[in-house]
C-alpha atoms as a PDB file:
ATOM      1  CA  MET A   1       0.000  41.172-177.779  1.00  0.00           C
ATOM      2  CA  GLN A   2       3.519  39.799-177.743  1.00  0.00           C
ATOM      3  CA  THR A   3       6.441  41.422-175.894  1.00  0.00           C
ATOM      4  CA  GLU A   4      10.080  40.786-176.683  1.00  0.00           C
ATOM      5  CA  HIS A   5      12.843  41.990-174.341  1.00  0.00           C
ATOM      6  CA  LEU A   6      16.131  43.000-175.906  1.00  0.00           C
ATOM      7  CA  GLY A   7      19.070  44.022-173.746  1.00  0.00           C
ATOM      8  CA  VAL A   8      21.421  45.619-176.245  1.00  0.00           C
ATOM      9  CA  LYS A   9      25.078  46.518-176.219  1.00  0.00           C
ATOM     10  CA  LYS A  10      26.412  48.401-179.230  1.00  0.00           C
ATOM     11  CA  VAL A  11      30.012  49.026-180.117  1.00  0.00           C
ATOM     12  CA  VAL A  12      30.362  52.722-180.911  1.00  0.00           C
ATOM     13  CA  LEU A  13      33.329  54.582-182.385  1.00  0.00           C
ATOM     14  CA  TRP A  14      33.431  57.947-180.665  1.00  0.00           C
ATOM     15  CA  GLN A  15      36.310  60.423-180.882  1.00  0.00           C
ATOM     16  CA  ASN A  16      38.548  57.636-182.204  1.00  0.00           C
ATOM     17  CA  ARG A  17      37.719  55.456-179.203  1.00  0.00           C
ATOM     18  CA  ILE A  18      35.669  52.315-179.072  1.00  0.00           C
ATOM     19  CA  ARG A  19      33.158  52.164-176.273  1.00  0.00           C
ATOM     20  CA  ILE A  20      30.265  49.914-175.421  1.00  0.00           C
ATOM     21  CA  ALA A  21      26.976  51.789-175.555  1.00  0.00           C
ATOM     22  CA  LYS A  22      24.348  50.122-173.428  1.00  0.00           C
ATOM     23  CA  MET A  23      20.608  50.512-173.729  1.00  0.00           C
ATOM     24  CA  MET A  24      17.356  48.778-172.872  1.00  0.00           C
ATOM     25  CA  GLN A  25      14.967  47.783-175.646  1.00  0.00           C
ATOM     26  CA  SER A  26      11.755  45.853-176.001  1.00  0.00           C
ATOM     27  CA  LYS A  27       9.286  45.159-178.782  1.00  0.00           C
ATOM     28  CA  ILE A  28       5.548  44.637-178.741  1.00  0.00           C
ATOM     29  CA  ASN A  29       3.115  43.718-181.468  1.00  0.00           C
ATOM     30  CA  LEU A  30      -0.435  44.988-181.661  1.00  0.00           C
ATOM     31  CA  ARG A  31      -3.274  45.341-184.131  1.00  0.00           C
ATOM     32  CA  PRO A  32      -5.305  48.546-184.337  1.00  0.00           C
ATOM     33  CA  ARG A  33      -8.908  47.887-183.395  1.00  0.00           C
ATOM     34  CA  TYR A  34     -11.886  49.082-185.408  1.00  0.00           C
ATOM     35  CA  GLY A  35     -12.676  51.884-182.952  1.00  0.00           C
ATOM     36  CA  GLU A  36      -9.131  53.270-183.329  1.00  0.00           C
ATOM     37  CA  VAL A  37      -9.409  54.075-187.036  1.00  0.00           C
ATOM     38  CA  ASP A  38     -11.061  56.923-188.868  1.00  0.00           C
ATOM     39  CA  GLN A  39     -13.594  56.736-191.692  1.00  0.00           C
ATOM     40  CA  MET A  40     -10.777  56.098-194.199  1.00  0.00           C
ATOM     41  CA  GLY A  41      -9.609  53.026-192.268  1.00  0.00           C
ATOM     42  CA  TYR A  42      -6.426  54.708-190.997  1.00  0.00           C
ATOM     43  CA  VAL A  43      -5.393  54.793-187.340  1.00  0.00           C
ATOM     44  CA  TYR A  44      -6.484  58.119-185.864  1.00  0.00           C
ATOM     45  CA  HIS A  45      -3.335  60.128-185.063  1.00  0.00           C
ATOM     46  CA  ALA A  46      -3.976  60.495-181.316  1.00  0.00           C
ATOM     47  CA  ASN A  47      -3.993  56.707-180.886  1.00  0.00           C
ATOM     48  CA  TYR A  48      -0.253  56.556-181.550  1.00  0.00           C
ATOM     49  CA  VAL A  49       0.262  58.251-178.162  1.00  0.00           C
ATOM     50  CA  SER A  50      -1.682  55.425-176.523  1.00  0.00           C
ATOM     51  CA  TYR A  51       0.367  52.832-178.431  1.00  0.00           C
ATOM     52  CA  CYS A  52       3.593  54.440-177.178  1.00  0.00           C
ATOM     53  CA  HIS A  53       2.284  54.445-173.615  1.00  0.00           C
ATOM     54  CA  GLN A  54       1.405  50.762-173.931  1.00  0.00           C
ATOM     55  CA  ALA A  55       4.870  49.972-175.335  1.00  0.00           C
ATOM     56  CA  ARG A  56       6.566  51.881-172.484  1.00  0.00           C
ATOM     57  CA  THR A  57       4.455  50.017-169.922  1.00  0.00           C
ATOM     58  CA  GLU A  58       5.430  46.678-171.478  1.00  0.00           C
ATOM     59  CA  LEU A  59       9.143  47.588-171.451  1.00  0.00           C
ATOM     60  CA  MET A  60       8.853  48.276-167.726  1.00  0.00           C
ATOM     61  CA  ARG A  61       6.875  45.053-167.249  1.00  0.00           C
ATOM     62  CA  THR A  62       9.726  42.997-168.792  1.00  0.00           C
ATOM     63  CA  LEU A  63      11.839  44.281-165.892  1.00  0.00           C
ATOM     64  CA  GLY A  64       9.218  43.253-163.361  1.00  0.00           C
ATOM     65  CA  ILE A  65       8.110  46.851-162.807  1.00  0.00           C
ATOM     66  CA  HIS A  66       4.315  46.915-162.997  1.00  0.00           C
ATOM     67  CA  ASP A  67       2.038  49.943-162.664  1.00  0.00           C
ATOM     68  CA  GLN A  68       0.584  48.439-159.500  1.00  0.00           C
ATOM     69  CA  ALA A  69       4.066  48.211-157.919  1.00  0.00           C
ATOM     70  CA  LEU A  70       4.709  51.837-158.817  1.00  0.00           C
ATOM     71  CA  GLU A  71       1.443  52.872-157.180  1.00  0.00           C
ATOM     72  CA  GLU A  72       2.190  50.803-154.068  1.00  0.00           C
ATOM     73  CA  ASN A  73       5.546  52.596-153.783  1.00  0.00           C
ATOM     74  CA  GLN A  74       3.947  56.033-154.261  1.00  0.00           C
ATOM     75  CA  ILE A  75       5.598  56.555-157.654  1.00  0.00           C
ATOM     76  CA  MET A  76       3.972  58.349-160.559  1.00  0.00           C
ATOM     77  CA  LEU A  77       5.392  58.753-164.071  1.00  0.00           C
ATOM     78  CA  PRO A  78       3.629  61.712-165.674  1.00  0.00           C
ATOM     79  CA  VAL A  79       4.517  62.454-169.279  1.00  0.00           C
ATOM     80  CA  ILE A  80       6.079  65.899-169.549  1.00  0.00           C
ATOM     81  CA  SER A  81       6.669  65.825-173.295  1.00  0.00           C
ATOM     82  CA  ILE A  82       5.910  63.669-176.294  1.00  0.00           C
ATOM     83  CA  ASN A  83       6.849  64.251-179.896  1.00  0.00           C
ATOM     84  CA  LEU A  84       5.621  62.095-182.752  1.00  0.00           C
ATOM     85  CA  ARG A  85       6.613  62.097-186.401  1.00  0.00           C
ATOM     86  CA  TYR A  86       4.131  60.412-188.708  1.00  0.00           C
ATOM     87  CA  LEU A  87       5.714  58.887-191.794  1.00  0.00           C
ATOM     88  CA  LYS A  88       2.961  56.656-193.169  1.00  0.00           C
ATOM     89  CA  ALA A  89      -0.560  55.722-192.107  1.00  0.00           C
ATOM     90  CA  ALA A  90      -1.290  52.515-190.196  1.00  0.00           C
ATOM     91  CA  LYS A  91      -4.439  50.663-191.156  1.00  0.00           C
ATOM     92  CA  TYR A  92      -7.156  48.782-189.336  1.00  0.00           C
ATOM     93  CA  ASP A  93      -6.083  45.270-188.219  1.00  0.00           C
ATOM     94  CA  GLU A  94      -2.557  45.688-189.614  1.00  0.00           C
ATOM     95  CA  LEU A  95       0.064  44.084-187.380  1.00  0.00           C
ATOM     96  CA  LEU A  96       2.263  46.828-185.909  1.00  0.00           C
ATOM     97  CA  THR A  97       5.588  46.352-184.152  1.00  0.00           C
ATOM     98  CA  ILE A  98       6.662  48.979-181.664  1.00  0.00           C
ATOM     99  CA  GLN A  99      10.270  49.017-180.515  1.00  0.00           C
ATOM    100  CA  THR A 100      10.892  50.997-177.345  1.00  0.00           C
ATOM    101  CA  THR A 101      14.379  52.143-176.394  1.00  0.00           C
ATOM    102  CA  LEU A 102      15.727  53.576-173.159  1.00  0.00           C
ATOM    103  CA  ARG A 103      19.257  54.801-173.943  1.00  0.00           C
ATOM    104  CA  GLU A 104      20.488  55.878-170.521  1.00  0.00           C
ATOM    105  CA  MET A 105      19.946  55.320-166.838  1.00  0.00           C
ATOM    106  CA  PRO A 106      17.272  57.778-165.707  1.00  0.00           C
ATOM    107  CA  LYS A 107      18.030  60.345-163.044  1.00  0.00           C
ATOM    108  CA  THR A 108      14.825  62.273-162.330  1.00  0.00           C
ATOM    109  CA  ARG A 109      13.504  61.861-165.862  1.00  0.00           C
ATOM    110  CA  ALA A 110      13.408  59.012-168.349  1.00  0.00           C
ATOM    111  CA  VAL A 111      13.405  59.432-172.109  1.00  0.00           C
ATOM    112  CA  PHE A 112      11.801  56.670-174.174  1.00  0.00           C
ATOM    113  CA  GLU A 113      12.200  56.409-177.942  1.00  0.00           C
ATOM    114  CA  PHE A 114       9.694  54.557-180.098  1.00  0.00           C
ATOM    115  CA  GLU A 115       9.800  53.211-183.620  1.00  0.00           C
ATOM    116  CA  ILE A 116       6.574  51.853-185.095  1.00  0.00           C
ATOM    117  CA  ARG A 117       6.682  49.568-188.132  1.00  0.00           C
ATOM    118  CA  ASN A 118       3.892  47.998-190.180  1.00  0.00           C
ATOM    119  CA  GLU A 119       3.530  44.430-191.493  1.00  0.00           C
ATOM    120  CA  ALA A 120       5.780  45.272-194.465  1.00  0.00           C
ATOM    121  CA  ASN A 121       8.455  46.371-191.950  1.00  0.00           C
ATOM    122  CA  GLU A 122       8.123  49.977-193.116  1.00  0.00           C
ATOM    123  CA  LYS A 123       8.807  52.625-190.494  1.00  0.00           C
ATOM    124  CA  ILE A 124       5.511  54.485-190.108  1.00  0.00           C
ATOM    125  CA  CYS A 125       6.069  56.589-186.994  1.00  0.00           C
ATOM    126  CA  THR A 126       8.807  57.638-184.592  1.00  0.00           C
ATOM    127  CA  ALA A 127       8.270  59.196-181.201  1.00  0.00           C
ATOM    128  CA  VAL A 128      10.107  60.404-178.119  1.00  0.00           C
ATOM    129  CA  SER A 129       8.410  60.579-174.733  1.00  0.00           C
ATOM    130  CA  GLU A 130       9.837  62.039-171.539  1.00  0.00           C
ATOM    131  CA  VAL A 131       8.481  61.138-168.103  1.00  0.00           C
ATOM    132  CA  VAL A 132       9.457  62.440-164.679  1.00  0.00           C
ATOM    133  CA  PHE A 133       9.499  60.427-161.456  1.00  0.00           C
ATOM    134  CA  VAL A 134       7.085  62.007-158.966  1.00  0.00           C
ATOM    135  CA  ASP A 135       6.214  61.133-155.367  1.00  0.00           C
ATOM    136  CA  SER A 136       2.438  60.579-155.416  1.00  0.00           C
ATOM    137  CA  ILE A 137       1.985  62.021-151.899  1.00  0.00           C
ATOM    138  CA  SER A 138       4.073  65.206-152.100  1.00  0.00           C
ATOM    139  CA  ARG A 139       3.607  65.573-155.888  1.00  0.00           C
ATOM    140  CA  LYS A 140       7.268  66.579-156.075  1.00  0.00           C
ATOM    141  CA  PRO A 141       9.840  65.263-158.561  1.00  0.00           C
ATOM    142  CA  MET A 142      12.209  62.649-157.212  1.00  0.00           C
ATOM    143  CA  LYS A 143      15.359  60.790-158.249  1.00  0.00           C
ATOM    144  CA  VAL A 144      14.888  57.482-160.023  1.00  0.00           C
ATOM    145  CA  PRO A 145      13.371  55.207-157.360  1.00  0.00           C
ATOM    146  CA  GLU A 146      15.556  52.390-156.084  1.00  0.00           C
ATOM    147  CA  ILE A 147      13.121  49.695-157.283  1.00  0.00           C
ATOM    148  CA  ILE A 148      13.622  50.978-160.843  1.00  0.00           C
ATOM    149  CA  ARG A 149      17.328  51.792-160.609  1.00  0.00           C
ATOM    150  CA  VAL A 150      18.161  48.276-159.389  1.00  0.00           C
ATOM    151  CA  LYS A 151      16.224  46.652-162.250  1.00  0.00           C
ATOM    152  CA  LEU A 152      17.940  48.869-164.864  1.00  0.00           C
ATOM    153  CA  ALA A 153      21.450  48.508-163.395  1.00  0.00           C
ATOM    154  CA  ASP A 154      22.330  45.538-165.607  1.00  0.00           C
ATOM    155  CA  PHE A 155      21.680  47.588-168.737  1.00  0.00           C
ATOM    156  CA  PHE A 156      23.630  50.733-167.890  1.00  0.00           C
END
């Protein structure tokens, strides 16, 4: 799997004003394994959720935020919603590219957007996942932890 980190600044015209819209993006490539496809050779629909989770984890990893560091700092990121739109089937062993976008600095929740493309660069799935920052001891929601906020500060 290959991960590409893209810090992006877009010029946006909004209400007749130009502003710089900042966001955090990364891309990963993966190939569906044999056990992830159905009898027709298409990726089973539930596996797209796992692909999005993997892409989100890799975006965080590009910032130096690893799952182990989150656990050591008593931080959990449970998914509170995920919505996928399937546009075209992915096939066994087909190279997929997943672009993950974080459009704004999280507060207590983070919203990740995903775009999955096949080898022909066709968009095959889009998804949006929302996670909440939770203290693993109290199990209560919390503001974005400092170790994450500091790493994202350059992008927002």
